[in-house]
């Protein structure tokens, strides 16, 4: 969506780059959080099965 908005000139290039960088960082944080939760769930499942 951000790319489309930039293509239709809803954002200037500088704004697009700034937003893209922030969204990329948010994506990395969410990915790390997701992986951490998955690991915790796997550990909890392992404890319940023993």
N, C-alpha and C. Protein backbone atom coordinates (compact mmCIF):
# COMPACT_ATOMS: atom_id res chain seq x y z
N UNK A 1 0.82 -1.20 0.00
CA UNK A 1 0.00 0.00 0.00
C UNK A 1 0.86 1.26 0.00
N UNK A 2 1.93 1.21 0.76
CA UNK A 2 2.80 2.37 0.81
C UNK A 2 3.42 2.63 -0.56
N UNK A 3 3.80 1.57 -1.23
CA UNK A 3 4.39 1.69 -2.57
C UNK A 3 3.38 2.29 -3.54
N UNK A 4 2.15 1.84 -3.46
CA UNK A 4 1.10 2.37 -4.32
C UNK A 4 0.89 3.86 -4.04
N UNK A 5 0.85 4.21 -2.77
CA UNK A 5 0.66 5.62 -2.40
C UNK A 5 1.80 6.48 -2.97
N UNK A 6 3.00 5.95 -2.92
CA UNK A 6 4.13 6.70 -3.48
C UNK A 6 4.00 6.82 -4.99
N UNK A 7 3.57 5.74 -5.64
CA UNK A 7 3.42 5.77 -7.10
C UNK A 7 2.38 6.78 -7.57
N UNK A 8 1.35 6.98 -6.78
CA UNK A 8 0.33 7.97 -7.19
C UNK A 8 0.64 9.36 -6.64
N UNK A 9 1.85 9.50 -6.15
CA UNK A 9 2.37 10.78 -5.66
C UNK A 9 1.65 11.29 -4.41
N UNK A 10 1.17 10.37 -3.58
CA UNK A 10 0.57 10.76 -2.31
C UNK A 10 1.65 11.17 -1.31
N UNK A 11 2.87 10.68 -1.53
CA UNK A 11 4.01 11.01 -0.68
C UNK A 11 5.16 11.48 -1.56
N UNK A 12 5.97 12.35 -1.00
CA UNK A 12 7.23 12.69 -1.65
C UNK A 12 8.21 11.54 -1.40
N UNK A 13 9.23 11.45 -2.20
CA UNK A 13 10.19 10.35 -2.09
C UNK A 13 10.82 10.30 -0.70
N UNK A 14 11.17 11.45 -0.14
CA UNK A 14 11.78 11.49 1.19
C UNK A 14 10.82 10.91 2.24
N UNK A 15 9.55 11.26 2.16
CA UNK A 15 8.55 10.73 3.10
C UNK A 15 8.40 9.22 2.91
N UNK A 16 8.39 8.79 1.66
CA UNK A 16 8.26 7.36 1.35
C UNK A 16 9.43 6.57 1.96
N UNK A 17 10.64 7.09 1.80
CA UNK A 17 11.82 6.40 2.34
C UNK A 17 11.74 6.33 3.86
N UNK A 18 11.38 7.44 4.49
CA UNK A 18 11.27 7.47 5.95
C UNK A 18 10.24 6.47 6.45
N UNK A 19 9.07 6.47 5.83
CA UNK A 19 8.02 5.53 6.24
C UNK A 19 8.42 4.09 5.96
N UNK A 20 9.05 3.85 4.83
CA UNK A 20 9.49 2.49 4.48
C UNK A 20 10.48 1.96 5.51
N UNK A 21 11.42 2.79 5.90
CA UNK A 21 12.41 2.37 6.90
C UNK A 21 11.75 2.06 8.23
N UNK A 22 10.81 2.90 8.64
CA UNK A 22 10.11 2.65 9.91
C UNK A 22 9.28 1.38 9.85
N UNK A 23 8.58 1.17 8.74
CA UNK A 23 7.78 -0.04 8.60
C UNK A 23 8.64 -1.29 8.55
N UNK A 24 9.81 -1.18 7.92
CA UNK A 24 10.73 -2.31 7.88
C UNK A 24 11.19 -2.67 9.30
N UNK A 25 11.53 -1.66 10.08
CA UNK A 25 11.96 -1.89 11.46
C UNK A 25 10.83 -2.50 12.29
N UNK A 26 9.62 -2.01 12.11
CA UNK A 26 8.46 -2.58 12.82
C UNK A 26 8.28 -4.04 12.43
N UNK A 27 8.44 -4.34 11.15
CA UNK A 27 8.33 -5.72 10.69
C UNK A 27 9.36 -6.63 11.34
N UNK A 28 10.58 -6.13 11.47
CA UNK A 28 11.62 -6.93 12.13
C UNK A 28 11.28 -7.17 13.60
N UNK A 29 10.77 -6.13 14.26
CA UNK A 29 10.39 -6.28 15.67
C UNK A 29 9.25 -7.28 15.83
N UNK A 30 8.25 -7.18 14.96
CA UNK A 30 7.12 -8.11 15.04
C UNK A 30 7.56 -9.54 14.75
N UNK A 31 8.46 -9.70 13.79
CA UNK A 31 8.99 -11.03 13.49
C UNK A 31 9.72 -11.63 14.68
N UNK A 32 10.53 -10.82 15.34
CA UNK A 32 11.25 -11.28 16.53
C UNK A 32 10.30 -11.63 17.66
N UNK A 33 9.30 -10.81 17.86
CA UNK A 33 8.30 -11.07 18.89
C UNK A 33 7.56 -12.38 18.58
N UNK A 34 7.18 -12.55 17.33
CA UNK A 34 6.47 -13.77 16.92
C UNK A 34 7.32 -15.01 17.18
N UNK A 35 8.59 -14.94 16.81
CA UNK A 35 9.48 -16.08 17.02
C UNK A 35 9.65 -16.39 18.50
N UNK A 36 9.74 -15.35 19.32
CA UNK A 36 9.88 -15.54 20.76
C UNK A 36 8.64 -16.22 21.33
N UNK A 37 7.47 -15.79 20.92
CA UNK A 37 6.22 -16.39 21.40
C UNK A 37 6.14 -17.85 20.96
N UNK A 38 6.52 -18.12 19.72
CA UNK A 38 6.50 -19.50 19.22
C UNK A 38 7.41 -20.40 20.05
N UNK A 39 8.61 -19.92 20.38
CA UNK A 39 9.54 -20.69 21.19
C UNK A 39 8.97 -20.94 22.58
N UNK A 40 8.35 -19.93 23.17
CA UNK A 40 7.77 -20.09 24.50
C UNK A 40 6.64 -21.11 24.47
N UNK A 41 5.83 -21.08 23.42
CA UNK A 41 4.74 -22.05 23.31
C UNK A 41 5.28 -23.47 23.16
N UNK A 42 6.34 -23.62 22.39
CA UNK A 42 6.95 -24.94 22.22
C UNK A 42 7.51 -25.45 23.54
N UNK A 43 8.13 -24.56 24.33
CA UNK A 43 8.65 -24.96 25.64
C UNK A 43 7.52 -25.37 26.57
N UNK A 44 6.41 -24.63 26.55
CA UNK A 44 5.28 -24.96 27.40
C UNK A 44 4.67 -26.30 27.00
N UNK A 45 4.59 -26.56 25.71
CA UNK A 45 4.07 -27.85 25.24
C UNK A 45 4.96 -28.99 25.68
N UNK A 46 6.27 -28.76 25.64
CA UNK A 46 7.23 -29.78 26.07
C UNK A 46 7.10 -30.09 27.55
N UNK A 47 6.85 -29.08 28.37
CA UNK A 47 6.70 -29.28 29.81
C UNK A 47 5.43 -30.04 30.13
N UNK A 48 4.37 -29.80 29.36
CA UNK A 48 3.09 -30.47 29.61
C UNK A 48 3.15 -31.94 29.21
N UNK A 49 3.99 -32.27 28.24
CA UNK A 49 4.06 -33.64 27.74
C UNK A 49 5.00 -34.51 28.57
N UNK A 50 5.69 -33.93 29.55
CA UNK A 50 6.62 -34.74 30.35
C UNK A 50 6.04 -35.11 31.66
